[in-house]
């Protein structure tokens, strides 16, 4: 029969020892309270990667990602829904994905099925335990970026590559912020127009126009203001061909396979001491509060102190 702690054991311990068991708040309790306050089931992680696609119509790429994320969110195996933002061009795209570890794992496996249409994929960054999502749902966006004044050297070193990577990520964050702000303005404007014109539309149609997955078609007229936030073609082409960024296949392999700790020991100083279970009680332990002591232990300690005093006096 598996062991399960019950309150009765604590009560019996208090009766035997005579010391009231203090109320302890662990780090796990703090994490659970934070999840409850944020209405989450588990941690949210963020994956940002870029790619090159072979679709004749760029809208097919947007439809593919909408389909994949819809299937993930409707799956019973996912504890946290997946949200994000997709920026796509006729040849390149950048995507931000927010979700739990299970949903991101399923996302990696689903994208691997369409690698014929996605020949090049590079991971820009993977962030654990983000504070909040970039979007409450999944948005798709397309436009034409500006051109770089100076060409990027494709033989750039690691430092230059990381600077350009950070620049690309910063542009994406700024684009999402401007996109959501403009979306709110358009929703307010459309609501005002609907009130003024007294249109007889059902609530389902209004919701579809204002918050539907095809909301990018509503904003196509006002995309000119976002050009300053769009990553350039040359920048994405450089990041896809650089050797300093991890490709999608390697990232997926590392996600599925456990990495042994021994491979990291050569890059750590000081060298970590091997942890053996036989030495676990030999390490000095400094508790936060005084632990309860039984009367038998007190008597034993007094006898040991008395014997030490007797030997020293002799």
C-alpha atoms as a PDB file:
ATOM      1  CA  UNK A   1       0.000   0.000   0.000  1.00  0.00           C
ATOM      2  CA  UNK A   2       1.578   3.338  -0.986  1.00  0.00           C
ATOM      3  CA  UNK A   3       2.466   5.746   1.776  1.00  0.00           C
ATOM      4  CA  UNK A   4       0.268   8.844   2.071  1.00  0.00           C
ATOM      5  CA  UNK A   5       0.908  11.450   4.784  1.00  0.00           C
ATOM      6  CA  UNK A   6      -2.110  12.246   6.955  1.00  0.00           C
ATOM      7  CA  UNK A   7      -2.763  14.803   9.656  1.00  0.00           C
ATOM      8  CA  UNK A   8      -3.180  12.048  12.252  1.00  0.00           C
ATOM      9  CA  UNK A   9       0.542  11.251  12.104  1.00  0.00           C
ATOM     10  CA  UNK A  10       1.365  14.867  12.949  1.00  0.00           C
ATOM     11  CA  UNK A  11      -1.052  14.772  15.871  1.00  0.00           C
ATOM     12  CA  UNK A  12       0.506  11.563  17.206  1.00  0.00           C
ATOM     13  CA  UNK A  13       3.979  13.055  16.839  1.00  0.00           C
ATOM     14  CA  UNK A  14       2.908  16.063  18.902  1.00  0.00           C
ATOM     15  CA  UNK A  15       1.579  13.770  21.627  1.00  0.00           C
ATOM     16  CA  UNK A  16       4.767  11.679  21.793  1.00  0.00           C
ATOM     17  CA  UNK A  17       7.342  14.470  21.608  1.00  0.00           C
ATOM     18  CA  UNK A  18       5.310  17.130  23.356  1.00  0.00           C
ATOM     19  CA  UNK A  19       6.294  19.839  20.848  1.00  0.00           C
ATOM     20  CA  UNK A  20       3.712  21.475  18.602  1.00  0.00           C
ATOM     21  CA  UNK A  21       4.462  20.966  14.935  1.00  0.00           C
ATOM     22  CA  UNK A  22       5.129  24.391  13.323  1.00  0.00           C
ATOM     23  CA  UNK A  23       3.277  25.379  10.165  1.00  0.00           C
ATOM     24  CA  UNK A  24       5.729  25.334   7.277  1.00  0.00           C
ATOM     25  CA  UNK A  25       5.337  27.041   3.890  1.00  0.00           C
ATOM     26  CA  UNK A  26       7.468  25.436   1.235  1.00  0.00           C
ATOM     27  CA  UNK A  27       8.537  26.806  -2.118  1.00  0.00           C
ATOM     28  CA  UNK A  28       6.086  24.396  -3.714  1.00  0.00           C
ATOM     29  CA  UNK A  29       3.237  26.090  -1.813  1.00  0.00           C
ATOM     30  CA  UNK A  30       4.368  29.477  -3.123  1.00  0.00           C
ATOM     31  CA  UNK A  31       4.422  28.149  -6.693  1.00  0.00           C
ATOM     32  CA  UNK A  32       0.910  26.717  -6.333  1.00  0.00           C
ATOM     33  CA  UNK A  33      -0.394  30.026  -4.982  1.00  0.00           C
ATOM     34  CA  UNK A  34       1.155  31.880  -7.919  1.00  0.00           C
ATOM     35  CA  UNK A  35      -0.453  29.461 -10.386  1.00  0.00           C
ATOM     36  CA  UNK A  36      -3.809  29.964  -8.688  1.00  0.00           C
ATOM     37  CA  UNK A  37      -3.489  33.762  -8.843  1.00  0.00           C
ATOM     38  CA  UNK A  38      -2.582  33.676 -12.554  1.00  0.00           C
ATOM     39  CA  UNK A  39      -5.179  30.966 -13.333  1.00  0.00           C
ATOM     40  CA  UNK A  40      -2.527  28.663 -14.742  1.00  0.00           C
ATOM     41  CA  UNK A  41      -1.952  24.954 -14.555  1.00  0.00           C
ATOM     42  CA  UNK A  42       1.816  24.989 -15.035  1.00  0.00           C
ATOM     43  CA  UNK A  43       4.731  27.134 -16.236  1.00  0.00           C
ATOM     44  CA  UNK A  44       4.622  29.003 -19.547  1.00  0.00           C
ATOM     45  CA  UNK A  45       7.665  28.850 -21.841  1.00  0.00           C
ATOM     46  CA  UNK A  46       8.446  30.849 -24.982  1.00  0.00           C
ATOM     47  CA  UNK A  47       9.995  29.647 -28.221  1.00  0.00           C
ATOM     48  CA  UNK A  48      11.010  32.078 -30.977  1.00  0.00           C
ATOM     49  CA  UNK A  49      12.312  30.691 -34.252  1.00  0.00           C
ATOM     50  CA  UNK A  50      12.645  31.745 -37.877  1.00  0.00           C
ATOM     51  CA  UNK A  51      12.307  29.784 -41.067  1.00  0.00           C
ATOM     52  CA  UNK A  52      12.169  29.629 -44.830  1.00  0.00           C
ATOM     53  CA  UNK A  53       9.071  28.190 -46.531  1.00  0.00           C
ATOM     54  CA  UNK A  54       8.299  26.891 -50.021  1.00  0.00           C
ATOM     55  CA  UNK A  55       4.581  27.660 -50.210  1.00  0.00           C
ATOM     56  CA  UNK A  56       3.454  29.315 -53.427  1.00  0.00           C
ATOM     57  CA  UNK A  57       0.953  31.409 -51.508  1.00  0.00           C
ATOM     58  CA  UNK A  58       2.203  32.826 -48.172  1.00  0.00           C
ATOM     59  CA  UNK A  59      -1.319  32.518 -46.770  1.00  0.00           C
ATOM     60  CA  UNK A  60      -0.883  28.739 -46.877  1.00  0.00           C
ATOM     61  CA  UNK A  61       1.826  29.066 -44.218  1.00  0.00           C
ATOM     62  CA  UNK A  62      -0.521  31.052 -41.976  1.00  0.00           C
ATOM     63  CA  UNK A  63      -3.270  28.464 -42.493  1.00  0.00           C
ATOM     64  CA  UNK A  64      -0.843  25.664 -41.614  1.00  0.00           C
ATOM     65  CA  UNK A  65       0.153  27.234 -38.294  1.00  0.00           C
ATOM     66  CA  UNK A  66      -3.438  28.102 -37.450  1.00  0.00           C
ATOM     67  CA  UNK A  67      -4.372  24.471 -38.043  1.00  0.00           C
ATOM     68  CA  UNK A  68      -1.485  23.110 -35.942  1.00  0.00           C
ATOM     69  CA  UNK A  69      -2.152  25.421 -32.996  1.00  0.00           C
ATOM     70  CA  UNK A  70      -5.891  24.749 -33.155  1.00  0.00           C
ATOM     71  CA  UNK A  71      -5.266  20.996 -32.978  1.00  0.00           C
ATOM     72  CA  UNK A  72      -2.878  21.480 -30.064  1.00  0.00           C
ATOM     73  CA  UNK A  73      -5.324  23.627 -28.090  1.00  0.00           C
ATOM     74  CA  UNK A  74      -8.204  21.206 -28.662  1.00  0.00           C
ATOM     75  CA  UNK A  75      -6.128  18.209 -27.587  1.00  0.00           C
ATOM     76  CA  UNK A  76      -6.849  16.656 -24.196  1.00  0.00           C
ATOM     77  CA  UNK A  77      -3.141  16.145 -23.497  1.00  0.00           C
ATOM     78  CA  UNK A  78      -2.298  19.868 -23.331  1.00  0.00           C
ATOM     79  CA  UNK A  79      -2.551  21.543 -19.921  1.00  0.00           C
ATOM     80  CA  UNK A  80      -1.977  25.140 -21.117  1.00  0.00           C
ATOM     81  CA  UNK A  81      -3.281  26.549 -24.393  1.00  0.00           C
ATOM     82  CA  UNK A  82      -0.772  27.688 -26.986  1.00  0.00           C
ATOM     83  CA  UNK A  83      -0.720  31.290 -28.182  1.00  0.00           C
ATOM     84  CA  UNK A  84       1.672  33.393 -30.219  1.00  0.00           C
ATOM     85  CA  UNK A  85       2.337  35.618 -33.198  1.00  0.00           C
ATOM     86  CA  UNK A  86       3.359  34.745 -36.761  1.00  0.00           C
ATOM     87  CA  UNK A  87       5.044  37.222 -39.106  1.00  0.00           C
ATOM     88  CA  UNK A  88       5.377  35.816 -42.613  1.00  0.00           C
ATOM     89  CA  UNK A  89       6.844  37.065 -45.895  1.00  0.00           C
ATOM     90  CA  UNK A  90       6.779  35.498 -49.371  1.00  0.00           C
ATOM     91  CA  UNK A  91       9.920  33.525 -48.425  1.00  0.00           C
ATOM     92  CA  UNK A  92      10.731  33.917 -44.712  1.00  0.00           C
ATOM     93  CA  UNK A  93       8.806  33.961 -41.455  1.00  0.00           C
ATOM     94  CA  UNK A  94       9.297  34.576 -37.726  1.00  0.00           C
ATOM     95  CA  UNK A  95       7.072  33.014 -35.085  1.00  0.00           C
ATOM     96  CA  UNK A  96       6.660  33.440 -31.322  1.00  0.00           C
ATOM     97  CA  UNK A  97       5.080  30.529 -29.443  1.00  0.00           C
ATOM     98  CA  UNK A  98       3.947  30.635 -25.791  1.00  0.00           C
ATOM     99  CA  UNK A  99       2.803  27.454 -24.085  1.00  0.00           C
ATOM    100  CA  UNK A 100       3.560  24.747 -21.575  1.00  0.00           C
ATOM    101  CA  UNK A 101       6.277  22.166 -21.992  1.00  0.00           C
ATOM    102  CA  UNK A 102       3.776  19.592 -23.260  1.00  0.00           C
ATOM    103  CA  UNK A 103       2.277  21.926 -25.861  1.00  0.00           C
ATOM    104  CA  UNK A 104       5.693  23.033 -27.142  1.00  0.00           C
ATOM    105  CA  UNK A 105       6.790  19.393 -27.386  1.00  0.00           C
ATOM    106  CA  UNK A 106       3.704  18.628 -29.484  1.00  0.00           C
ATOM    107  CA  UNK A 107       4.384  21.737 -31.581  1.00  0.00           C
ATOM    108  CA  UNK A 108       7.899  20.520 -32.364  1.00  0.00           C
ATOM    109  CA  UNK A 109       6.631  17.113 -33.453  1.00  0.00           C
ATOM    110  CA  UNK A 110       3.824  18.549 -35.595  1.00  0.00           C
ATOM    111  CA  UNK A 111       6.131  20.968 -37.428  1.00  0.00           C
ATOM    112  CA  UNK A 112       8.525  18.097 -38.182  1.00  0.00           C
ATOM    113  CA  UNK A 113       5.816  16.546 -40.380  1.00  0.00           C
ATOM    114  CA  UNK A 114       5.957  19.526 -42.773  1.00  0.00           C
ATOM    115  CA  UNK A 115       9.719  19.897 -43.165  1.00  0.00           C
ATOM    116  CA  UNK A 116       9.393  19.479 -46.953  1.00  0.00           C
ATOM    117  CA  UNK A 117       7.701  22.878 -47.081  1.00  0.00           C
ATOM    118  CA  UNK A 118       9.934  24.278 -44.314  1.00  0.00           C
ATOM    119  CA  UNK A 119      13.496  23.471 -45.447  1.00  0.00           C
ATOM    120  CA  UNK A 120      15.329  25.854 -43.076  1.00  0.00           C
ATOM    121  CA  UNK A 121      14.460  26.517 -39.454  1.00  0.00           C
ATOM    122  CA  UNK A 122      16.649  28.174 -36.813  1.00  0.00           C
ATOM    123  CA  UNK A 123      15.889  28.742 -33.132  1.00  0.00           C
ATOM    124  CA  UNK A 124      16.515  32.305 -31.947  1.00  0.00           C
ATOM    125  CA  UNK A 125      15.766  31.864 -28.248  1.00  0.00           C
ATOM    126  CA  UNK A 126      13.947  29.612 -25.813  1.00  0.00           C
ATOM    127  CA  UNK A 127      12.840  31.234 -22.535  1.00  0.00           C
ATOM    128  CA  UNK A 128      11.691  29.274 -19.488  1.00  0.00           C
ATOM    129  CA  UNK A 129       8.891  30.410 -17.169  1.00  0.00           C
ATOM    130  CA  UNK A 130       7.856  33.714 -18.751  1.00  0.00           C
ATOM    131  CA  UNK A 131       5.781  36.114 -16.659  1.00  0.00           C
ATOM    132  CA  UNK A 132       3.047  36.656 -19.247  1.00  0.00           C
ATOM    133  CA  UNK A 133       2.102  35.804 -22.814  1.00  0.00           C
ATOM    134  CA  UNK A 134       2.787  38.137 -25.713  1.00  0.00           C
ATOM    135  CA  UNK A 135      -0.773  37.547 -27.014  1.00  0.00           C
ATOM    136  CA  UNK A 136      -3.961  36.105 -25.579  1.00  0.00           C
ATOM    137  CA  UNK A 137      -4.578  34.168 -28.799  1.00  0.00           C
ATOM    138  CA  UNK A 138      -2.710  33.380 -32.037  1.00  0.00           C
ATOM    139  CA  UNK A 139      -2.323  36.159 -34.638  1.00  0.00           C
ATOM    140  CA  UNK A 140      -0.899  36.105 -38.161  1.00  0.00           C
ATOM    141  CA  UNK A 141       0.536  39.154 -39.884  1.00  0.00           C
ATOM    142  CA  UNK A 142       2.164  39.900 -43.230  1.00  0.00           C
ATOM    143  CA  UNK A 143       3.701  42.959 -44.851  1.00  0.00           C
ATOM    144  CA  UNK A 144       6.774  44.111 -46.780  1.00  0.00           C
ATOM    145  CA  UNK A 145       9.805  45.161 -44.711  1.00  0.00           C
ATOM    146  CA  UNK A 146      12.300  47.872 -45.514  1.00  0.00           C
ATOM    147  CA  UNK A 147      15.811  47.154 -46.803  1.00  0.00           C
ATOM    148  CA  UNK A 148      19.032  47.370 -44.857  1.00  0.00           C
ATOM    149  CA  UNK A 149      21.378  50.194 -45.788  1.00  0.00           C
ATOM    150  CA  UNK A 150      24.521  48.189 -45.023  1.00  0.00           C
ATOM    151  CA  UNK A 151      24.974  44.577 -46.026  1.00  0.00           C
ATOM    152  CA  UNK A 152      25.629  41.975 -43.353  1.00  0.00           C
ATOM    153  CA  UNK A 153      28.848  40.008 -43.518  1.00  0.00           C
ATOM    154  CA  UNK A 154      27.876  36.314 -43.613  1.00  0.00           C
ATOM    155  CA  UNK A 155      31.212  35.449 -41.953  1.00  0.00           C
ATOM    156  CA  UNK A 156      30.399  37.500 -38.847  1.00  0.00           C
ATOM    157  CA  UNK A 157      31.605  36.244 -35.480  1.00  0.00           C
ATOM    158  CA  UNK A 158      29.519  35.075 -32.541  1.00  0.00           C
ATOM    159  CA  UNK A 159      29.242  38.490 -30.890  1.00  0.00           C
ATOM    160  CA  UNK A 160      27.907  40.131 -34.054  1.00  0.00           C
ATOM    161  CA  UNK A 161      25.484  37.257 -34.592  1.00  0.00           C
ATOM    162  CA  UNK A 162      24.101  37.561 -31.067  1.00  0.00           C
ATOM    163  CA  UNK A 163      23.671  41.328 -31.520  1.00  0.00           C
ATOM    164  CA  UNK A 164      21.712  40.811 -34.736  1.00  0.00           C
ATOM    165  CA  UNK A 165      19.661  38.059 -33.088  1.00  0.00           C
ATOM    166  CA  UNK A 166      18.749  40.359 -30.208  1.00  0.00           C
ATOM    167  CA  UNK A 167      17.855  43.057 -32.731  1.00  0.00           C
ATOM    168  CA  UNK A 168      15.485  40.676 -34.527  1.00  0.00           C
ATOM    169  CA  UNK A 169      13.802  39.638 -31.266  1.00  0.00           C
ATOM    170  CA  UNK A 170      13.446  43.274 -30.197  1.00  0.00           C
ATOM    171  CA  UNK A 171      11.774  44.141 -33.503  1.00  0.00           C
ATOM    172  CA  UNK A 172       9.309  41.286 -33.034  1.00  0.00           C
ATOM    173  CA  UNK A 173       8.358  42.443 -29.536  1.00  0.00           C
ATOM    174  CA  UNK A 174       7.867  45.998 -30.785  1.00  0.00           C
ATOM    175  CA  UNK A 175       5.804  44.721 -33.718  1.00  0.00           C
ATOM    176  CA  UNK A 176       3.508  42.703 -31.446  1.00  0.00           C
ATOM    177  CA  UNK A 177       3.037  45.695 -29.125  1.00  0.00           C
ATOM    178  CA  UNK A 178       2.133  48.009 -32.016  1.00  0.00           C
ATOM    179  CA  UNK A 179      -0.093  45.353 -33.589  1.00  0.00           C
ATOM    180  CA  UNK A 180      -2.123  44.794 -30.418  1.00  0.00           C
ATOM    181  CA  UNK A 181      -2.427  48.532 -29.782  1.00  0.00           C
ATOM    182  CA  UNK A 182      -3.713  49.104 -33.308  1.00  0.00           C
ATOM    183  CA  UNK A 183      -6.060  46.133 -32.966  1.00  0.00           C
ATOM    184  CA  UNK A 184      -7.636  47.685 -29.876  1.00  0.00           C
ATOM    185  CA  UNK A 185      -8.094  51.012 -31.685  1.00  0.00           C
ATOM    186  CA  UNK A 186      -9.714  49.289 -34.660  1.00  0.00           C
ATOM    187  CA  UNK A 187     -12.049  47.321 -32.411  1.00  0.00           C
ATOM    188  CA  UNK A 188     -13.186  50.516 -30.695  1.00  0.00           C
ATOM    189  CA  UNK A 189     -13.594  52.243 -34.048  1.00  0.00           C
ATOM    190  CA  UNK A 190     -15.630  49.378 -35.474  1.00  0.00           C
ATOM    191  CA  UNK A 191     -17.841  49.256 -32.405  1.00  0.00           C
ATOM    192  CA  UNK A 192     -18.536  52.973 -32.752  1.00  0.00           C
ATOM    193  CA  UNK A 193     -19.317  52.574 -36.452  1.00  0.00           C
ATOM    194  CA  UNK A 194     -21.684  49.716 -35.699  1.00  0.00           C
ATOM    195  CA  UNK A 195     -23.528  51.849 -33.167  1.00  0.00           C
ATOM    196  CA  UNK A 196     -23.770  54.816 -35.524  1.00  0.00           C
ATOM    197  CA  UNK A 197     -24.930  52.839 -38.544  1.00  0.00           C
ATOM    198  CA  UNK A 198     -27.272  50.562 -36.488  1.00  0.00           C
ATOM    199  CA  UNK A 199     -26.212  47.458 -38.372  1.00  0.00           C
ATOM    200  CA  UNK A 200     -28.316  44.368 -37.764  1.00  0.00           C
ATOM    201  CA  UNK A 201     -25.698  41.720 -37.236  1.00  0.00           C
ATOM    202  CA  UNK A 202     -25.669  38.706 -35.000  1.00  0.00           C
ATOM    203  CA  UNK A 203     -23.274  38.529 -32.059  1.00  0.00           C
ATOM    204  CA  UNK A 204     -21.431  35.643 -33.689  1.00  0.00           C
ATOM    205  CA  UNK A 205     -20.658  37.719 -36.779  1.00  0.00           C
ATOM    206  CA  UNK A 206     -19.478  40.661 -34.676  1.00  0.00           C
ATOM    207  CA  UNK A 207     -17.159  38.420 -32.674  1.00  0.00           C
ATOM    208  CA  UNK A 208     -15.803  36.883 -35.861  1.00  0.00           C
ATOM    209  CA  UNK A 209     -15.026  40.280 -37.406  1.00  0.00           C
ATOM    210  CA  UNK A 210     -13.432  41.740 -34.303  1.00  0.00           C
ATOM    211  CA  UNK A 211     -11.530  38.779 -32.843  1.00  0.00           C
ATOM    212  CA  UNK A 212     -11.443  36.053 -35.451  1.00  0.00           C
ATOM    213  CA  UNK A 213      -8.318  34.259 -36.604  1.00  0.00           C
ATOM    214  CA  UNK A 214      -8.547  36.109 -39.919  1.00  0.00           C
ATOM    215  CA  UNK A 215      -8.294  39.483 -38.216  1.00  0.00           C
ATOM    216  CA  UNK A 216      -5.097  40.191 -40.202  1.00  0.00           C
ATOM    217  CA  UNK A 217      -7.221  40.815 -43.302  1.00  0.00           C
ATOM    218  CA  UNK A 218      -9.019  43.615 -41.448  1.00  0.00           C
ATOM    219  CA  UNK A 219      -5.739  45.399 -40.703  1.00  0.00           C
ATOM    220  CA  UNK A 220      -4.139  45.071 -44.120  1.00  0.00           C
ATOM    221  CA  UNK A 221      -4.862  48.712 -44.978  1.00  0.00           C
ATOM    222  CA  UNK A 222      -2.999  50.030 -41.930  1.00  0.00           C
ATOM    223  CA  UNK A 223       0.151  47.919 -42.112  1.00  0.00           C
ATOM    224  CA  UNK A 224       2.318  50.774 -43.380  1.00  0.00           C
ATOM    225  CA  UNK A 225       2.932  52.069 -39.868  1.00  0.00           C
ATOM    226  CA  UNK A 226       4.623  48.808 -38.839  1.00  0.00           C
ATOM    227  CA  UNK A 227       7.478  48.790 -41.365  1.00  0.00           C
ATOM    228  CA  UNK A 228       9.968  50.132 -38.848  1.00  0.00           C
ATOM    229  CA  UNK A 229       9.331  47.091 -36.637  1.00  0.00           C
ATOM    230  CA  UNK A 230       9.682  44.443 -39.359  1.00  0.00           C
ATOM    231  CA  UNK A 231      12.872  42.321 -39.535  1.00  0.00           C
ATOM    232  CA  UNK A 232      14.534  42.826 -42.907  1.00  0.00           C
ATOM    233  CA  UNK A 233      15.013  40.114 -45.543  1.00  0.00           C
ATOM    234  CA  UNK A 234      18.807  40.323 -45.324  1.00  0.00           C
ATOM    235  CA  UNK A 235      18.694  39.970 -41.540  1.00  0.00           C
ATOM    236  CA  UNK A 236      16.544  36.826 -41.675  1.00  0.00           C
ATOM    237  CA  UNK A 237      18.637  35.366 -44.484  1.00  0.00           C
ATOM    238  CA  UNK A 238      21.806  35.874 -42.424  1.00  0.00           C
ATOM    239  CA  UNK A 239      20.302  34.303 -39.285  1.00  0.00           C
ATOM    240  CA  UNK A 240      19.099  31.283 -41.250  1.00  0.00           C
ATOM    241  CA  UNK A 241      22.559  30.612 -42.688  1.00  0.00           C
ATOM    242  CA  UNK A 242      24.764  31.407 -39.698  1.00  0.00           C
ATOM    243  CA  UNK A 243      26.535  28.574 -37.886  1.00  0.00           C
ATOM    244  CA  UNK A 244      26.114  30.185 -34.465  1.00  0.00           C
ATOM    245  CA  UNK A 245      22.378  29.474 -34.114  1.00  0.00           C
ATOM    246  CA  UNK A 246      20.886  26.067 -33.375  1.00  0.00           C
ATOM    247  CA  UNK A 247      18.861  24.497 -36.142  1.00  0.00           C
ATOM    248  CA  UNK A 248      15.390  23.146 -35.524  1.00  0.00           C
ATOM    249  CA  UNK A 249      16.377  19.492 -35.824  1.00  0.00           C
ATOM    250  CA  UNK A 250      19.061  19.733 -33.129  1.00  0.00           C
ATOM    251  CA  UNK A 251      16.684  21.577 -30.818  1.00  0.00           C
ATOM    252  CA  UNK A 252      14.017  18.909 -31.253  1.00  0.00           C
ATOM    253  CA  UNK A 253      16.582  16.155 -30.626  1.00  0.00           C
ATOM    254  CA  UNK A 254      17.743  17.812 -27.395  1.00  0.00           C
ATOM    255  CA  UNK A 255      14.134  18.253 -26.304  1.00  0.00           C
ATOM    256  CA  UNK A 256      13.375  14.533 -26.623  1.00  0.00           C
ATOM    257  CA  UNK A 257      16.699  13.142 -25.368  1.00  0.00           C
ATOM    258  CA  UNK A 258      17.994  13.611 -21.804  1.00  0.00           C
ATOM    259  CA  UNK A 259      21.431  15.225 -21.678  1.00  0.00           C
ATOM    260  CA  UNK A 260      23.960  13.604 -19.284  1.00  0.00           C
ATOM    261  CA  UNK A 261      25.404  15.988 -16.722  1.00  0.00           C
ATOM    262  CA  UNK A 262      28.944  14.767 -17.371  1.00  0.00           C
ATOM    263  CA  UNK A 263      29.189  16.661 -20.678  1.00  0.00           C
ATOM    264  CA  UNK A 264      28.960  19.995 -18.843  1.00  0.00           C
ATOM    265  CA  UNK A 265      31.657  19.325 -16.228  1.00  0.00           C
ATOM    266  CA  UNK A 266      34.509  20.462 -18.480  1.00  0.00           C
ATOM    267  CA  UNK A 267      32.983  23.943 -18.770  1.00  0.00           C
ATOM    268  CA  UNK A 268      32.265  24.527 -15.072  1.00  0.00           C
ATOM    269  CA  UNK A 269      34.617  25.973 -12.469  1.00  0.00           C
ATOM    270  CA  UNK A 270      35.094  24.870  -9.804  1.00  0.00           C
ATOM    271  CA  UNK A 271      34.594  21.251 -10.810  1.00  0.00           C
ATOM    272  CA  UNK A 272      31.406  19.988  -9.102  1.00  0.00           C
ATOM    273  CA  UNK A 273      31.856  17.429  -6.349  1.00  0.00           C
ATOM    274  CA  UNK A 274      30.173  14.077  -7.102  1.00  0.00           C
ATOM    275  CA  UNK A 275      26.979  13.687  -5.090  1.00  0.00           C
ATOM    276  CA  UNK A 276      26.648  10.258  -3.486  1.00  0.00           C
ATOM    277  CA  UNK A 277      23.663   9.189  -1.435  1.00  0.00           C
ATOM    278  CA  UNK A 278      25.911   7.600   1.203  1.00  0.00           C
ATOM    279  CA  UNK A 279      27.315  11.035   2.141  1.00  0.00           C
ATOM    280  CA  UNK A 280      24.016  12.829   2.306  1.00  0.00           C
ATOM    281  CA  UNK A 281      23.853  12.811   6.125  1.00  0.00           C
ATOM    282  CA  UNK A 282      27.507  13.754   6.606  1.00  0.00           C
ATOM    283  CA  UNK A 283      26.966  17.264   5.242  1.00  0.00           C
ATOM    284  CA  UNK A 284      26.241  19.742   8.123  1.00  0.00           C
ATOM    285  CA  UNK A 285      22.599  20.787   8.134  1.00  0.00           C
ATOM    286  CA  UNK A 286      21.554  24.191   9.467  1.00  0.00           C
ATOM    287  CA  UNK A 287      17.772  24.205   9.958  1.00  0.00           C
ATOM    288  CA  UNK A 288      15.710  27.391   9.931  1.00  0.00           C
ATOM    289  CA  UNK A 289      14.251  26.677  13.372  1.00  0.00           C
ATOM    290  CA  UNK A 290      15.178  24.334  16.192  1.00  0.00           C
ATOM    291  CA  UNK A 291      14.007  20.822  15.523  1.00  0.00           C
ATOM    292  CA  UNK A 292      12.021  19.005  18.234  1.00  0.00           C
ATOM    293  CA  UNK A 293      14.145  16.725  20.429  1.00  0.00           C
ATOM    294  CA  UNK A 294      12.828  13.720  22.333  1.00  0.00           C
ATOM    295  CA  UNK A 295      13.556  13.204  26.025  1.00  0.00           C
ATOM    296  CA  UNK A 296      15.671  10.132  25.296  1.00  0.00           C
ATOM    297  CA  UNK A 297      17.997  12.193  23.092  1.00  0.00           C
ATOM    298  CA  UNK A 298      18.271  14.891  25.778  1.00  0.00           C
ATOM    299  CA  UNK A 299      19.279  12.284  28.372  1.00  0.00           C
ATOM    300  CA  UNK A 300      21.797  10.764  25.966  1.00  0.00           C
ATOM    301  CA  UNK A 301      23.313  14.191  25.223  1.00  0.00           C
ATOM    302  CA  UNK A 302      23.627  14.949  28.942  1.00  0.00           C
ATOM    303  CA  UNK A 303      25.415  11.629  29.530  1.00  0.00           C
ATOM    304  CA  UNK A 304      27.857  12.353  26.695  1.00  0.00           C
ATOM    305  CA  UNK A 305      28.613  15.831  28.071  1.00  0.00           C
ATOM    306  CA  UNK A 306      29.150  14.398  31.549  1.00  0.00           C
ATOM    307  CA  UNK A 307      31.536  11.748  30.231  1.00  0.00           C
ATOM    308  CA  UNK A 308      33.550  14.379  28.339  1.00  0.00           C
ATOM    309  CA  UNK A 309      33.844  16.552  31.473  1.00  0.00           C
ATOM    310  CA  UNK A 310      34.944  13.540  33.545  1.00  0.00           C
ATOM    311  CA  UNK A 311      37.661  12.561  31.059  1.00  0.00           C
ATOM    312  CA  UNK A 312      38.979  16.132  30.832  1.00  0.00           C
ATOM    313  CA  UNK A 313      39.197  16.452  34.625  1.00  0.00           C
ATOM    314  CA  UNK A 314      41.221  13.207  34.838  1.00  0.00           C
END
